[in-house]
C-alpha cells in the first residue's frame, strides 16, 4: 500500500543526570557558551528562548532545533526532523558543555526518540495499514464470524537481560480532521484499466502520492524510543549510532510488510 519512506516528525536526544544543582547559579554562563559554540558548529543563528529557574531553552529556527535543560535533564529536539543537521554533534556538544559547567558526574539515562509517519490516503487506509503492520491478526481470537481486523494499535517493550538498555516501539493509525474516511475505489486502480477519466484519475493519484510523502492527512505513526540506563562510558554519538542502527532494522522490516 505504501511505497514512500516514512516522514520524520520529530527527533529527540535526552540525557538525565544527578546533582545538577549548579544550574541555578550557572545557567546564564551555560547559555552564553552554548550560543557561541552552537553557532560556530552549525553555521546558523541560535537564540535564547527562555531562561528561568524551572529551565532554560535555546533554539535555531533555521534548523527546527531546540535545546532545553534544567537541573535534572537536557534534551535536543528537532521538530519536524527533516532538515539535515549535525544532530549527533549538537547533542554531544551540549552535554559536554553541561558536564563541564555544572560539574555533572552521574548520568542516569540516555534516551533517543524518533517519531515518523507512514502516509496513507484516508483514515480507512491508515487503519488497514496499522492492522497489517502489527502482527496480531489472531489476537485475542482468530477473526471469523463476519469480523475482520480494520485497525490496530500495538506497543512492544524490549529490555536487555541486564536491564542496561532497551526500547519501546509503537504503531498506531492517525488522521487529521480533514482526512477522508475512505477514497474512491477508482483511485486505487491503474488508470489504464478504467473506461474513462483516465487522465483525471492519474493526476489525482499523483497528487495524493505527493501528499502522502510531504504532508499526509492520515497514516501510521511509528514511535521509537531507545534508552540506556547508567551510560557512564557511552558518548551521545555512540548511543545515537546504536539507536539508529536498531531503528533501521525495524524500519526495513516494517516497510517490507507495508508493501505486501
Protein backbone atom coordinates (compact mmCIF):
# COMPACT_ATOMS: atom_id res chain seq x y z
CA UNK A 1 0.00 0.00 0.00
CA UNK A 2 2.73 2.46 0.93
CA UNK A 3 5.96 2.76 -1.05
CA UNK A 4 7.14 6.17 0.22
CA UNK A 5 9.65 6.38 3.04
CA UNK A 6 8.17 7.42 6.39
CA UNK A 7 8.22 11.17 7.04
CA UNK A 8 10.24 12.21 10.11
CA UNK A 9 8.07 14.19 12.54
CA UNK A 10 10.45 14.51 15.48
CA UNK A 11 13.93 13.57 16.70
CA UNK A 12 14.91 13.78 20.37
CA UNK A 13 18.03 13.08 22.39
CA UNK A 14 17.62 13.25 26.17
CA UNK A 15 20.16 12.88 28.98
CA UNK A 16 19.16 12.67 32.63
CA UNK A 17 21.66 13.31 35.37
CA UNK A 18 22.06 13.67 39.11
CA UNK A 19 23.17 16.60 41.24
CA UNK A 20 22.74 19.33 38.66
CA UNK A 21 22.23 21.87 41.42
CA UNK A 22 24.66 24.35 39.88
CA UNK A 23 22.09 25.03 37.16
CA UNK A 24 20.58 27.88 39.21
CA UNK A 25 23.96 29.61 39.60
CA UNK A 26 25.46 28.95 36.16
CA UNK A 27 22.52 28.91 33.74
CA UNK A 28 23.40 32.28 32.20
CA UNK A 29 27.00 31.24 31.71
CA UNK A 30 25.93 28.00 30.02
CA UNK A 31 23.57 29.88 27.66
CA UNK A 32 26.35 32.25 26.56
CA UNK A 33 28.71 29.35 25.88
CA UNK A 34 26.10 27.33 24.00
CA UNK A 35 25.03 30.28 21.86
CA UNK A 36 28.61 30.78 20.71
CA UNK A 37 29.58 27.11 20.31
CA UNK A 38 26.40 26.02 18.51
CA UNK A 39 26.56 28.93 16.08
CA UNK A 40 30.18 28.08 15.26
CA UNK A 41 29.41 24.36 14.84
CA UNK A 42 26.27 24.67 12.69
CA UNK A 43 26.89 27.97 10.92
CA UNK A 44 23.39 29.06 11.93
CA UNK A 45 21.97 31.63 14.33
CA UNK A 46 20.99 30.36 17.79
CA UNK A 47 18.92 32.48 20.14
CA UNK A 48 17.90 32.13 23.79
CA UNK A 49 14.21 31.34 24.07
CA UNK A 50 13.77 31.04 27.84
CA UNK A 51 15.90 31.43 30.95
CA UNK A 52 14.10 30.68 34.22
CA UNK A 53 14.61 28.74 37.48
CA UNK A 54 12.47 25.92 36.09
CA UNK A 55 14.59 25.54 32.96
CA UNK A 56 16.29 27.20 30.01
CA UNK A 57 15.89 26.88 26.26
CA UNK A 58 17.89 27.96 23.21
CA UNK A 59 16.76 27.37 19.63
CA UNK A 60 17.78 27.54 15.99
CA UNK A 61 14.69 28.29 13.84
CA UNK A 62 16.55 27.63 10.60
CA UNK A 63 17.21 24.01 11.59
CA UNK A 64 13.98 23.49 13.60
CA UNK A 65 16.26 22.62 16.53
CA UNK A 66 15.80 23.42 20.21
CA UNK A 67 17.91 22.65 23.27
CA UNK A 68 16.31 22.58 26.71
CA UNK A 69 17.98 21.87 30.06
CA UNK A 70 17.45 22.21 33.80
CA UNK A 71 18.89 20.76 36.99
CA UNK A 72 17.89 17.18 36.15
CA UNK A 73 17.88 16.71 32.37
CA UNK A 74 18.75 18.10 28.96
CA UNK A 75 17.17 17.47 25.60
CA UNK A 76 17.91 18.25 21.96
CA UNK A 77 14.69 18.32 19.93
CA UNK A 78 14.14 18.69 16.19
CA UNK A 79 10.53 19.16 15.08
CA UNK A 80 9.96 18.31 12.30
CA UNK A 81 13.05 16.21 11.83
CA UNK A 82 13.54 16.53 8.09
CA UNK A 83 16.16 19.29 7.81
CA UNK A 84 19.65 17.85 7.54
CA UNK A 85 21.71 18.92 10.54
CA UNK A 86 24.57 17.61 12.71
CA UNK A 87 22.12 16.31 15.32
CA UNK A 88 24.65 13.94 16.92
CA UNK A 89 27.29 16.66 17.12
CA UNK A 90 24.87 19.14 18.70
CA UNK A 91 23.82 16.55 21.31
CA UNK A 92 27.46 15.78 22.18
CA UNK A 93 28.44 19.45 22.33
CA UNK A 94 25.53 20.42 24.57
CA UNK A 95 26.05 17.56 27.01
CA UNK A 96 29.81 18.10 27.26
CA UNK A 97 29.20 21.79 27.95
CA UNK A 98 26.74 20.97 30.73
CA UNK A 99 29.05 18.34 32.21
CA UNK A 100 31.85 20.88 32.42
CA UNK A 101 29.90 23.94 33.53
CA UNK A 102 27.58 22.18 36.00
CA UNK A 103 30.19 19.67 37.17
CA UNK A 104 27.94 16.71 36.35
CA UNK A 105 29.30 13.31 37.30
CA UNK A 106 26.47 10.78 37.12
CA UNK A 107 24.36 10.14 34.03
CA UNK A 108 21.28 8.14 34.93
CA UNK A 109 19.71 7.69 31.49
CA UNK A 110 20.15 8.42 27.78
CA UNK A 111 17.09 8.38 25.56
CA UNK A 112 16.62 8.67 21.80
CA UNK A 113 13.15 9.06 20.34
CA UNK A 114 12.34 9.09 16.64
CA UNK A 115 8.73 9.64 15.56
CA UNK A 116 7.78 9.03 11.93
CA UNK A 117 4.56 8.76 9.94
CA UNK A 118 3.93 6.34 7.11
CA UNK A 119 1.40 8.19 4.99
CA UNK A 120 -1.98 6.90 3.82
CA UNK A 121 -4.77 8.42 1.72
CA UNK A 122 -7.62 8.10 4.22
CA UNK A 123 -8.49 7.12 7.76
CA UNK A 124 -9.71 3.76 6.45
CA UNK A 125 -6.41 3.08 4.67
CA UNK A 126 -4.45 4.17 7.75
CA UNK A 127 -6.35 1.68 9.91
CA UNK A 128 -5.83 -1.12 7.40
CA UNK A 129 -2.12 -0.35 7.20
CA UNK A 130 -1.79 -0.30 11.01
CA UNK A 131 -3.55 -3.68 11.19
CA UNK A 132 -1.13 -5.12 8.65
CA UNK A 133 1.99 -3.74 10.36
CA UNK A 134 1.06 -5.08 13.80
CA UNK A 135 1.33 -8.89 13.54
CA UNK A 136 -1.55 -9.73 15.87
CA UNK A 137 -4.34 -10.67 13.46
CA UNK A 138 -5.22 -13.72 15.56
CA UNK A 139 -5.41 -11.84 18.86
CA UNK A 140 -7.46 -12.02 21.02
CA UNK A 141 -9.11 -14.73 18.89
CA UNK A 142 -8.84 -15.67 15.22
CA UNK A 143 -11.02 -13.47 13.03
CA UNK A 144 -14.24 -15.02 11.82
CA UNK A 145 -17.97 -14.79 12.31
CA UNK A 146 -18.01 -11.96 9.80
CA UNK A 147 -15.31 -9.92 11.56
CA UNK A 148 -12.12 -8.58 10.00
CA UNK A 149 -9.35 -6.52 11.58
CA UNK A 150 -9.77 -2.92 10.35
CA UNK A 151 -7.41 -1.08 12.70
CA UNK A 152 -4.82 -1.83 15.36
CA UNK A 153 -2.65 -0.09 17.93
CA UNK A 154 0.35 -2.04 19.18
CA UNK A 155 3.24 -1.29 21.50
CA UNK A 156 6.15 -3.52 22.47
CA UNK A 157 8.85 -3.02 25.12
CA UNK A 158 12.12 -4.94 24.89
CA UNK A 159 14.87 -4.89 27.54
CA UNK A 160 18.34 -6.40 27.63
CA UNK A 161 18.98 -9.24 30.08
CA UNK A 162 20.90 -6.97 32.45
CA UNK A 163 18.44 -4.07 32.12
CA UNK A 164 21.13 -1.70 30.85
CA UNK A 165 19.31 -0.78 27.65
CA UNK A 166 16.08 -1.38 25.79
CA UNK A 167 13.46 0.14 23.55
CA UNK A 168 9.77 0.73 23.11
CA UNK A 169 8.12 0.66 19.69
CA UNK A 170 4.56 1.67 18.93
CA UNK A 171 2.44 1.70 15.78
CA UNK A 172 -0.98 3.31 15.58
CA UNK A 173 -3.16 4.92 12.95
CA UNK A 174 -3.70 8.68 12.95
CA UNK A 175 -5.80 11.00 10.80
CA UNK A 176 -6.32 14.73 10.56
CA UNK A 177 -9.81 16.22 10.76
CA UNK A 178 -9.76 16.92 7.01
CA UNK A 179 -8.80 13.34 6.15
CA UNK A 180 -11.46 11.47 4.13
CA UNK A 181 -12.94 8.41 5.79
CA UNK A 182 -12.31 6.47 2.59
CA UNK A 183 -11.39 7.26 -1.01
CA UNK A 184 -12.92 6.41 -4.36
CA UNK A 185 -12.01 2.85 -5.41
CA UNK A 186 -11.01 4.19 -8.83
CA UNK A 187 -8.05 5.95 -7.24
CA UNK A 188 -6.69 2.56 -6.18
CA UNK A 189 -6.72 1.16 -9.73
CA UNK A 190 -4.30 1.53 -12.61
CA UNK A 191 -5.82 4.40 -14.70
CA UNK A 192 -5.31 2.49 -17.97
CA UNK A 193 -7.83 -0.10 -16.82
CA UNK A 194 -10.61 2.50 -16.40
CA UNK A 195 -13.11 3.02 -19.21
CA UNK A 196 -13.00 6.83 -18.84
CA UNK A 197 -11.45 9.76 -16.92
CA UNK A 198 -8.02 8.10 -17.06
CA UNK A 199 -6.06 11.37 -17.07
CA UNK A 200 -8.18 12.83 -14.28
CA UNK A 201 -7.66 9.77 -12.08
CA UNK A 202 -3.91 9.68 -12.84
CA UNK A 203 -3.49 13.33 -11.81
CA UNK A 204 -5.42 12.73 -8.59
CA UNK A 205 -3.28 9.67 -7.81
CA UNK A 206 -0.10 11.70 -8.34
CA UNK A 207 -1.43 14.48 -6.10
CA UNK A 208 -2.25 12.04 -3.33
CA UNK A 209 1.16 10.38 -3.67
CA UNK A 210 2.89 13.72 -3.18
CA UNK A 211 0.65 14.49 -0.21
CA UNK A 212 1.42 11.12 1.42
CA UNK A 213 5.13 11.90 1.20
CA UNK A 214 5.09 15.60 2.13
CA UNK A 215 2.10 16.25 4.39
CA UNK A 216 -0.01 13.14 4.92
CA UNK A 217 -3.58 13.68 6.12
CA UNK A 218 -3.61 10.15 7.56
CA UNK A 219 -1.15 7.38 8.21
CA UNK A 220 0.53 5.13 10.74
CA UNK A 221 2.61 6.71 13.47
CA UNK A 222 5.89 4.87 14.11
CA UNK A 223 7.10 5.86 17.58
CA UNK A 224 10.53 4.52 18.59
CA UNK A 225 12.12 5.18 21.99
CA UNK A 226 15.56 3.70 22.69
CA UNK A 227 17.26 4.09 26.08
CA UNK A 228 20.32 3.24 28.12
CA UNK A 229 20.47 3.16 31.93
CA UNK A 230 23.56 4.49 33.74
CA UNK A 231 25.52 5.02 30.48
CA UNK A 232 28.71 6.13 32.23
CA UNK A 233 31.12 5.18 29.43
CA UNK A 234 28.83 5.88 26.48
CA UNK A 235 29.02 9.10 24.47
CA UNK A 236 25.89 10.65 22.92
CA UNK A 237 27.21 9.93 19.42
CA UNK A 238 27.86 6.25 20.22
CA UNK A 239 24.44 5.98 21.84
CA UNK A 240 22.65 7.60 18.89
CA UNK A 241 24.53 5.35 16.45
CA UNK A 242 23.23 2.30 18.33
CA UNK A 243 19.71 3.71 18.41
CA UNK A 244 19.70 4.49 14.69
CA UNK A 245 21.18 1.13 13.76
CA UNK A 246 18.40 -0.76 15.52
CA UNK A 247 15.70 1.56 14.15
CA UNK A 248 16.94 0.97 10.59
CA UNK A 249 16.47 -2.77 11.04
CA UNK A 250 12.96 -2.27 12.43
CA UNK A 251 12.01 0.16 9.66
CA UNK A 252 13.28 -2.21 6.99
CA UNK A 253 11.01 -4.96 8.31
CA UNK A 254 8.06 -2.57 8.60
CA UNK A 255 8.45 -1.26 5.05
CA UNK A 256 8.59 -4.81 3.66
CA UNK A 257 5.36 -5.62 5.50
CA UNK A 258 3.69 -2.38 4.33
CA UNK A 259 4.25 -3.35 0.69
CA UNK A 260 2.72 -6.81 1.00
